[in-house]
N, C-alpha and C. Protein backbone atom coordinates (compact mmCIF):
# COMPACT_ATOMS: atom_id res chain seq x y z
N UNK A 1 97.56 116.73 73.24
CA UNK A 1 96.48 116.03 73.95
C UNK A 1 95.31 116.94 74.08
N UNK A 2 94.34 116.67 73.82
CA UNK A 2 93.07 117.48 73.70
C UNK A 2 92.67 118.12 75.28
N UNK A 3 92.36 119.37 75.03
CA UNK A 3 92.04 119.56 76.58
C UNK A 3 90.41 119.19 77.03
N UNK A 4 89.77 118.82 76.02
CA UNK A 4 88.41 118.32 76.23
C UNK A 4 88.68 116.89 76.96
N UNK A 5 89.80 116.32 77.00
CA UNK A 5 90.02 114.58 77.70
C UNK A 5 89.95 115.00 79.12
N UNK A 6 90.11 116.14 79.74
CA UNK A 6 90.24 116.60 81.02
C UNK A 6 88.96 117.35 81.51
N UNK A 7 88.91 117.00 82.90
CA UNK A 7 87.57 117.70 83.78
C UNK A 7 88.45 117.89 84.97
N UNK A 8 87.97 119.18 85.59
CA UNK A 8 88.71 119.63 86.74
C UNK A 8 87.78 119.89 87.76
N UNK A 9 87.90 119.42 89.11
CA UNK A 9 86.91 119.36 90.12
C UNK A 9 87.98 119.97 91.14
N UNK A 10 87.21 121.05 92.04
CA UNK A 10 88.03 121.75 93.20
C UNK A 10 87.32 121.49 94.53
N UNK A 11 88.19 121.17 95.74
CA UNK A 11 87.50 120.84 96.83
C UNK A 11 88.04 121.60 98.04
N UNK A 12 87.54 121.65 98.96
CA UNK A 12 87.99 122.25 100.27
C UNK A 12 88.67 123.84 99.99
N UNK A 13 87.79 124.73 99.23
CA UNK A 13 88.02 126.07 99.31
C UNK A 13 86.65 127.16 99.68
N UNK A 14 85.45 126.32 100.10
CA UNK A 14 84.53 127.11 100.66
C UNK A 14 84.85 127.51 102.09
N UNK A 15 85.57 127.09 102.83
CA UNK A 15 85.80 127.41 104.27
C UNK A 15 86.54 128.68 104.33
N UNK A 16 87.27 129.21 103.44
CA UNK A 16 87.55 130.76 103.42
C UNK A 16 86.49 131.67 103.60
N UNK A 17 85.58 131.66 102.60
CA UNK A 17 84.55 132.69 102.83
C UNK A 17 83.57 132.29 103.64
N UNK A 18 83.42 131.12 104.25
CA UNK A 18 82.67 130.71 105.47
C UNK A 18 83.14 130.91 106.79
N UNK A 19 84.50 131.01 106.99
CA UNK A 19 85.05 131.29 108.01
C UNK A 19 85.45 129.84 108.93
N UNK A 20 85.45 128.88 108.07
CA UNK A 20 85.66 127.71 108.75
C UNK A 20 86.82 127.11 109.19
N UNK A 21 87.36 126.10 109.33
CA UNK A 21 88.41 125.32 109.82
C UNK A 21 89.19 125.22 108.63
N UNK A 22 90.50 125.83 108.44
CA UNK A 22 91.45 125.73 107.37
C UNK A 22 91.63 123.99 107.13
N UNK A 23 91.54 124.03 105.37
CA UNK A 23 91.54 122.84 105.00
C UNK A 23 92.39 122.94 103.76
N UNK A 24 93.57 122.17 103.28
CA UNK A 24 94.28 122.10 102.16
C UNK A 24 93.37 121.92 100.67
N UNK A 25 93.47 122.92 100.24
CA UNK A 25 92.40 122.89 98.96
C UNK A 25 93.24 121.90 97.87
N UNK A 26 92.01 121.08 97.32
CA UNK A 26 92.58 120.01 96.47
C UNK A 26 92.08 120.13 95.04
N UNK A 27 92.54 120.07 93.97
CA UNK A 27 92.35 120.27 92.81
C UNK A 27 92.51 118.72 91.93
N UNK A 28 91.27 118.09 91.58
CA UNK A 28 91.19 117.13 91.01
C UNK A 28 91.15 116.97 89.27
N UNK A 29 92.38 116.40 88.90
CA UNK A 29 92.10 116.64 87.20
C UNK A 29 91.95 115.19 86.82
N UNK A 30 90.74 114.94 86.39
CA UNK A 30 90.44 113.29 85.54
C UNK A 30 90.59 113.49 84.01
N UNK A 31 91.41 112.71 83.64
CA UNK A 31 91.67 112.14 82.47
C UNK A 31 90.63 111.16 81.51
N UNK A 32 90.41 111.56 80.66
CA UNK A 32 89.30 110.62 79.77
C UNK A 32 89.74 110.36 78.32
N UNK A 33 91.10 110.12 78.18
CA UNK A 33 91.44 109.68 76.94
C UNK A 33 92.40 108.73 76.71
N UNK A 34 93.22 108.39 75.86
CA UNK A 34 94.20 107.56 75.77
C UNK A 34 95.30 107.52 76.84
N UNK A 35 95.12 106.39 77.96
CA UNK A 35 96.02 106.16 79.13
C UNK A 35 97.56 106.32 78.88
N UNK A 36 97.94 105.73 77.73
CA UNK A 36 99.49 105.67 77.55
C UNK A 36 99.88 107.14 77.38
N UNK A 37 99.23 108.06 76.59
CA UNK A 37 99.77 109.02 76.37
C UNK A 37 100.06 110.09 77.44
N UNK A 38 98.96 109.97 78.25
CA UNK A 38 99.20 110.94 79.42
C UNK A 38 100.19 110.29 80.60
N UNK A 39 100.24 108.86 80.76
CA UNK A 39 101.09 108.10 81.35
C UNK A 39 102.64 108.53 80.85
N UNK A 40 102.91 108.55 79.66
CA UNK A 40 104.24 108.77 79.07
C UNK A 40 104.47 110.27 79.33
N UNK A 41 103.73 111.22 79.41
CA UNK A 41 103.90 112.55 79.65
C UNK A 41 104.19 112.85 81.12
N UNK A 42 103.61 111.98 81.95
CA UNK A 42 104.04 112.20 83.39
C UNK A 42 105.34 111.24 83.74
N UNK A 43 105.86 110.71 82.89
CA UNK A 43 106.84 109.89 83.32
C UNK A 43 108.18 110.69 82.93
N UNK A 44 109.28 110.12 83.75
CA UNK A 44 110.75 110.48 83.31
C UNK A 44 111.01 109.71 82.10
N UNK A 45 112.34 109.92 81.49
CA UNK A 45 113.02 109.19 80.44
C UNK A 45 113.28 107.56 81.05
N UNK A 46 113.54 107.37 82.52
CA UNK A 46 113.47 106.01 83.01
C UNK A 46 112.08 105.33 83.05
N UNK A 47 111.07 105.98 83.08
CA UNK A 47 109.57 105.41 83.12
C UNK A 47 109.01 105.57 84.57
N UNK A 48 110.04 106.43 85.56
CA UNK A 48 108.97 106.64 86.50
C UNK A 48 108.23 107.89 86.63
N UNK A 49 107.12 108.07 87.57
CA UNK A 49 106.56 108.98 87.34
C UNK A 49 107.44 110.33 87.89
N UNK A 50 106.84 111.48 87.36
CA UNK A 50 107.52 112.87 88.01
C UNK A 50 107.08 112.96 89.21
N UNK A 51 107.99 113.38 89.91
CA UNK A 51 107.75 113.91 91.46
C UNK A 51 107.19 115.61 91.43
N UNK A 52 106.58 115.93 92.60
CA UNK A 52 106.07 117.10 92.75
C UNK A 52 107.06 118.06 92.26
N UNK A 53 108.50 118.17 92.80
CA UNK A 53 109.52 118.95 92.46
C UNK A 53 109.84 119.00 90.87
N UNK A 54 109.52 117.99 90.29
CA UNK A 54 109.71 118.16 88.70
C UNK A 54 108.57 118.56 87.71
N UNK A 55 107.48 118.98 88.41
CA UNK A 55 106.18 119.39 87.72
C UNK A 55 106.03 120.92 88.19
N UNK A 56 105.42 121.93 87.29
CA UNK A 56 104.70 123.26 87.54
C UNK A 56 103.26 123.46 87.51
N UNK A 57 102.73 123.99 87.95
CA UNK A 57 101.39 124.09 87.87
C UNK A 57 100.93 125.82 87.64
N UNK A 58 100.31 126.13 86.40
CA UNK A 58 100.41 127.59 86.29
C UNK A 58 99.06 127.90 85.58
N UNK A 59 98.42 128.88 85.46
CA UNK A 59 97.34 129.48 84.57
C UNK A 59 98.04 130.69 83.95
N UNK A 60 97.34 130.60 82.72
CA UNK A 60 97.63 131.65 81.42
C UNK A 60 96.40 132.26 81.32
N UNK A 61 96.12 133.35 81.55
CA UNK A 61 94.95 134.14 81.12
C UNK A 61 94.81 134.26 79.56
N UNK A 62 93.70 134.17 78.80
CA UNK A 62 93.49 134.46 77.56
C UNK A 62 92.66 135.61 77.08
N UNK A 63 91.98 135.95 78.21
CA UNK A 63 91.58 137.38 78.32
C UNK A 63 92.12 138.20 79.43
N UNK A 64 91.66 139.89 79.16
CA UNK A 64 92.03 140.57 80.23
C UNK A 64 91.04 140.57 81.45
N UNK A 65 91.58 140.84 82.75
CA UNK A 65 90.80 140.69 83.99
C UNK A 65 89.63 141.66 83.85
N UNK A 66 89.82 142.51 83.07
CA UNK A 66 88.38 143.58 82.89
C UNK A 66 87.32 142.79 82.39
N UNK A 67 87.63 142.05 81.31
CA UNK A 67 86.50 141.11 80.61
C UNK A 67 85.39 140.79 81.70
N UNK A 68 84.20 140.98 81.38
CA UNK A 68 83.29 140.39 82.15
C UNK A 68 82.65 141.70 83.19
N UNK A 69 83.33 142.90 83.11
CA UNK A 69 82.84 144.15 83.84
C UNK A 69 82.24 144.78 82.63
N UNK A 70 81.28 145.81 83.49
CA UNK A 70 80.67 147.22 82.61
C UNK A 70 79.52 146.24 81.75
N UNK A 71 78.82 145.13 82.44
CA UNK A 71 77.88 144.41 81.77
C UNK A 71 77.99 143.22 80.76
N UNK A 72 79.49 143.07 80.22
CA UNK A 72 79.96 142.08 79.45
C UNK A 72 79.37 140.99 80.32
N UNK A 73 79.16 139.72 79.54
CA UNK A 73 78.58 138.56 80.23
C UNK A 73 79.74 137.31 80.18
N UNK A 74 80.61 137.69 79.25
CA UNK A 74 81.69 136.84 79.43
C UNK A 74 82.74 136.86 80.73
N UNK A 75 83.16 135.87 81.30
CA UNK A 75 83.92 136.04 82.35
C UNK A 75 85.29 135.80 81.79
N UNK A 76 86.37 136.34 82.52
CA UNK A 76 87.76 136.12 82.12
C UNK A 76 87.76 134.69 82.18
N UNK A 77 88.72 134.24 81.21
CA UNK A 77 89.10 132.82 81.47
C UNK A 77 90.71 132.66 80.86
N UNK A 78 91.04 131.28 81.05
CA UNK A 78 92.34 130.99 80.80
C UNK A 78 92.41 129.43 80.66
N UNK A 79 93.90 129.04 80.58
CA UNK A 79 94.46 127.56 80.52
C UNK A 79 95.36 127.34 81.87
N UNK A 80 94.65 126.20 82.50
CA UNK A 80 95.69 125.51 83.54
C UNK A 80 96.33 124.68 82.88
N UNK A 81 97.71 124.75 83.27
CA UNK A 81 98.45 123.79 82.59
C UNK A 81 99.83 123.22 83.58
N UNK A 82 99.92 121.88 83.52
CA UNK A 82 101.05 121.21 84.09
C UNK A 82 102.25 120.92 83.53
N UNK A 83 103.28 121.27 83.65
CA UNK A 83 104.34 121.24 82.73
C UNK A 83 105.50 120.34 83.46
N UNK A 84 106.38 119.74 82.87
CA UNK A 84 107.59 119.15 83.20
C UNK A 84 108.50 120.29 83.55
N UNK A 85 108.70 120.40 84.85
CA UNK A 85 110.00 121.67 84.98
C UNK A 85 111.03 121.28 84.24
N UNK A 86 111.53 120.33 84.32
CA UNK A 86 113.05 119.92 83.59
C UNK A 86 113.15 120.34 82.08
N UNK A 87 111.99 119.84 81.45
CA UNK A 87 112.01 119.93 79.84
C UNK A 87 111.24 121.03 79.60
N UNK A 88 110.48 121.61 80.30
CA UNK A 88 109.14 122.56 80.00
C UNK A 88 108.24 122.17 79.14
N UNK A 89 108.24 120.88 78.77
CA UNK A 89 107.02 120.49 78.10
C UNK A 89 105.67 120.59 78.91
N UNK A 90 104.69 120.76 78.01
CA UNK A 90 103.24 120.51 78.59
C UNK A 90 103.05 119.14 78.96
N UNK A 91 102.42 118.96 80.13
CA UNK A 91 101.84 117.60 80.49
C UNK A 91 100.36 117.50 80.04
N UNK A 92 99.77 118.56 80.70
CA UNK A 92 98.25 118.93 80.52
C UNK A 92 97.94 120.05 80.13
N UNK A 93 96.71 120.46 79.77
CA UNK A 93 96.12 121.76 79.54
C UNK A 93 94.76 121.59 79.71
N UNK A 94 94.08 122.54 80.18
CA UNK A 94 92.51 122.68 80.52
C UNK A 94 92.24 123.98 80.37
N UNK A 95 90.83 124.34 79.84
CA UNK A 95 90.35 125.47 80.07
C UNK A 95 89.70 125.52 81.40
N UNK A 96 89.89 126.84 81.95
CA UNK A 96 89.02 127.17 83.54
C UNK A 96 89.00 128.85 83.18
N UNK A 97 87.72 129.11 84.41
CA UNK A 97 87.56 130.60 84.30
C UNK A 97 88.46 130.99 85.41
N UNK A 98 88.74 132.39 85.30
CA UNK A 98 89.66 133.02 86.07
C UNK A 98 89.30 133.01 87.64
N UNK A 99 88.02 133.38 87.75
CA UNK A 99 87.35 133.38 88.98
C UNK A 99 87.42 132.30 89.87
N UNK A 100 87.19 131.14 89.35
CA UNK A 100 87.50 129.61 89.91
C UNK A 100 88.90 129.65 90.22
N UNK A 101 89.92 129.91 89.37
CA UNK A 101 91.43 129.85 89.78
C UNK A 101 91.79 130.88 90.90
N UNK A 102 91.27 131.86 90.58
CA UNK A 102 91.66 132.85 91.76
C UNK A 102 90.95 132.76 93.05
N UNK A 103 89.91 132.16 93.22
CA UNK A 103 89.27 131.31 94.56
C UNK A 103 90.19 130.40 94.75
N UNK A 104 90.76 129.34 94.01
CA UNK A 104 91.47 128.46 94.59
C UNK A 104 92.72 128.90 94.95
N UNK A 105 93.44 129.79 94.41
CA UNK A 105 94.59 130.47 94.77
C UNK A 105 94.42 131.15 96.29
N UNK A 106 93.28 132.04 96.24
CA UNK A 106 92.91 132.77 97.70
C UNK A 106 92.69 131.55 98.90
N UNK A 107 92.28 130.42 98.73
CA UNK A 107 92.18 129.42 99.63
C UNK A 107 93.49 128.74 99.87
N UNK A 108 94.59 128.46 98.80
CA UNK A 108 95.70 127.96 99.14
C UNK A 108 96.64 128.91 99.99
N UNK A 109 96.68 130.10 99.43
CA UNK A 109 97.25 131.29 100.31
C UNK A 109 96.80 131.33 101.71
N UNK A 110 95.36 131.42 102.31
CA UNK A 110 95.06 131.35 103.73
C UNK A 110 95.54 129.95 104.11
N UNK A 111 95.27 128.94 103.45
CA UNK A 111 95.89 127.42 104.26
C UNK A 111 97.23 127.85 104.57
N UNK A 112 98.23 128.26 103.83
CA UNK A 112 99.50 128.33 103.89
C UNK A 112 99.75 129.39 105.26
N UNK A 113 98.67 129.96 105.56
CA UNK A 113 99.08 131.05 106.77
C UNK A 113 98.61 130.00 107.91
N UNK A 114 98.17 129.23 107.99
CA UNK A 114 98.21 127.86 109.05
C UNK A 114 98.63 126.74 109.04
N UNK A 115 99.33 126.48 107.79
CA UNK A 115 100.43 125.19 107.75
C UNK A 115 101.78 125.56 108.22
N UNK A 116 102.32 124.17 108.35
CA UNK A 116 103.95 124.38 108.47
C UNK A 116 104.53 124.76 107.10
N UNK A 117 105.54 125.59 107.39
CA UNK A 117 106.20 126.04 106.09
C UNK A 117 106.73 125.01 105.25
N UNK A 118 106.93 123.98 105.35
CA UNK A 118 107.37 122.82 104.62
C UNK A 118 106.12 122.18 103.79
N UNK A 119 105.17 122.25 104.37
CA UNK A 119 103.95 121.66 103.94
C UNK A 119 103.28 122.26 102.63
N UNK A 120 102.83 121.30 101.65
CA UNK A 120 102.13 121.72 100.76
C UNK A 120 100.93 122.78 100.68
N UNK A 121 100.81 123.95 99.94
CA UNK A 121 99.74 124.73 100.20
C UNK A 121 98.33 124.11 99.44
N UNK A 122 98.52 123.24 98.32
CA UNK A 122 97.46 122.55 98.03
C UNK A 122 97.97 121.42 97.38
N UNK A 123 96.93 120.74 97.03
CA UNK A 123 97.22 119.11 96.48
C UNK A 123 96.66 119.27 95.07
N UNK A 124 97.48 118.44 94.33
CA UNK A 124 96.98 118.26 93.02
C UNK A 124 96.72 116.55 92.83
N UNK A 125 95.62 116.07 92.43
CA UNK A 125 95.42 114.67 92.01
C UNK A 125 95.04 114.55 90.47
N UNK A 126 95.84 113.84 89.92
CA UNK A 126 95.62 113.63 88.45
C UNK A 126 95.15 112.04 88.38
N UNK A 127 93.99 111.77 87.89
CA UNK A 127 93.41 110.38 87.77
C UNK A 127 93.05 110.12 86.53
N UNK A 128 93.08 108.78 86.13
CA UNK A 128 92.81 108.31 84.92
C UNK A 128 91.26 107.53 85.31
N UNK A 129 90.48 108.22 84.40
CA UNK A 129 88.98 107.58 84.56
C UNK A 129 88.78 107.27 86.08
N UNK A 130 89.21 108.16 87.06
CA UNK A 130 88.62 108.30 88.43
C UNK A 130 89.98 107.55 89.59
N UNK A 131 90.65 106.57 88.83
CA UNK A 131 91.87 106.36 89.54
C UNK A 131 93.41 106.82 89.42
N UNK A 132 93.83 107.15 90.81
CA UNK A 132 94.90 108.03 91.02
C UNK A 132 95.91 107.52 90.16
N UNK A 133 96.73 108.33 89.40
CA UNK A 133 97.91 108.18 88.76
C UNK A 133 99.12 109.15 89.23
N UNK A 134 98.96 110.12 89.75
CA UNK A 134 99.87 111.15 90.35
C UNK A 134 99.36 111.91 91.31
N UNK A 135 99.80 112.14 92.43
CA UNK A 135 99.55 113.14 93.48
C UNK A 135 100.60 113.70 94.03
N UNK A 136 100.39 115.04 93.79
CA UNK A 136 101.27 116.22 94.09
C UNK A 136 100.91 117.29 95.20
N UNK A 137 101.63 117.44 96.23
CA UNK A 137 101.62 118.42 96.99
C UNK A 137 102.69 119.74 96.77
N UNK A 138 101.93 120.93 96.33
CA UNK A 138 102.46 122.00 95.80
C UNK A 138 102.13 123.30 96.76
N UNK A 139 103.28 124.08 96.34
CA UNK A 139 103.40 125.36 96.92
C UNK A 139 103.43 126.89 95.95
N UNK A 140 103.51 126.44 94.74
CA UNK A 140 103.77 127.49 93.78
C UNK A 140 102.75 127.18 92.98
N UNK A 141 101.98 128.25 92.56
CA UNK A 141 100.63 128.25 91.42
C UNK A 141 101.28 129.80 90.71
N UNK A 142 101.53 129.83 89.41
CA UNK A 142 102.01 130.66 88.79
C UNK A 142 100.86 131.16 87.94
N UNK A 143 100.68 132.68 87.75
CA UNK A 143 99.32 133.05 87.20
C UNK A 143 99.93 134.12 85.97
N UNK A 144 99.97 134.25 84.68
CA UNK A 144 100.55 134.88 83.60
C UNK A 144 99.04 135.35 83.02
N UNK A 145 99.65 136.74 82.31
CA UNK A 145 98.43 137.42 81.63
C UNK A 145 98.55 136.93 80.01
N UNK A 146 97.75 137.49 79.28
CA UNK A 146 97.51 136.97 78.10
C UNK A 146 98.74 137.18 77.37
N UNK A 147 99.59 138.05 77.63
CA UNK A 147 100.94 138.39 77.10
C UNK A 147 102.04 137.55 77.61
N UNK A 148 101.72 136.51 78.48
CA UNK A 148 102.98 136.01 78.81
C UNK A 148 103.68 136.47 80.23
N UNK A 149 103.19 137.79 80.60
CA UNK A 149 103.96 138.49 81.78
C UNK A 149 103.16 137.61 83.13
N UNK A 150 104.09 137.54 84.17
CA UNK A 150 103.90 136.96 85.51
C UNK A 150 102.86 138.20 86.17
N UNK A 151 101.97 137.27 87.03
CA UNK A 151 101.26 138.43 87.54
C UNK A 151 101.40 138.00 88.96
N UNK A 152 102.57 138.71 89.83
CA UNK A 152 102.94 138.15 90.99
C UNK A 152 101.97 138.36 92.19
N UNK A 153 100.95 139.30 91.76
CA UNK A 153 99.89 139.49 92.90
C UNK A 153 98.83 138.55 92.95
N UNK A 154 98.63 137.95 91.80
CA UNK A 154 97.57 136.99 91.73
C UNK A 154 98.30 135.63 91.66
N UNK A 155 99.48 135.28 91.84
CA UNK A 155 100.19 134.00 91.99
C UNK A 155 100.40 133.56 93.51
N UNK A 156 100.42 132.44 93.43
CA UNK A 156 100.58 131.84 94.72
C UNK A 156 102.54 131.63 94.77
N UNK A 157 102.80 132.39 95.38
CA UNK A 157 104.60 132.13 95.32
C UNK A 157 104.96 132.13 97.06
N UNK A 158 105.33 131.11 97.51
CA UNK A 158 105.94 131.21 98.90
C UNK A 158 107.00 132.31 99.12
N UNK A 159 106.89 132.73 100.31
CA UNK A 159 107.88 133.75 100.84
C UNK A 159 109.26 133.44 100.65
N UNK A 160 110.39 134.03 100.37
CA UNK A 160 111.46 133.70 100.14
C UNK A 160 111.78 133.05 98.65
N UNK A 161 111.03 132.81 97.82
CA UNK A 161 111.23 132.19 96.40
C UNK A 161 111.32 133.45 95.50
N UNK A 162 112.43 133.22 94.66
CA UNK A 162 112.77 134.37 93.76
C UNK A 162 112.65 133.72 92.34
N UNK A 163 111.85 134.26 91.44
CA UNK A 163 111.67 133.90 90.38
C UNK A 163 112.40 134.82 89.26
């Protein structure tokens, strides 16, 4: 599935830098492609939508984090992916800047300090041309470098979780 079929919007992250009231960060991923292909990828073999526990959200850098420094105008970027936890298959991928992802993770981490331990740290809404298809409350958001190594300090990993 093509990455340009997806648009990503982030909400409720400004409160962190502005010192406002904590709000659960939201990432809305809107799909503008063949509906059947996304619905199939988001479904189990029985045709039910995958649950939050059956999906993972991650960010894989395609650049090094020092790109964009020393006058280089290119910001580090990467790929946001949602995968089926049971099969490892990619449900969707889209390009995004590292700065935007890290800002989102910072807001989710801060929100988690104010939320109940069992609450999601952030919310993912996947929509088809603006209509909700799947909504997930998530606590983990893993970040990998360009070589596939987990960046623990950049990732959102709840306490007590071993990877």
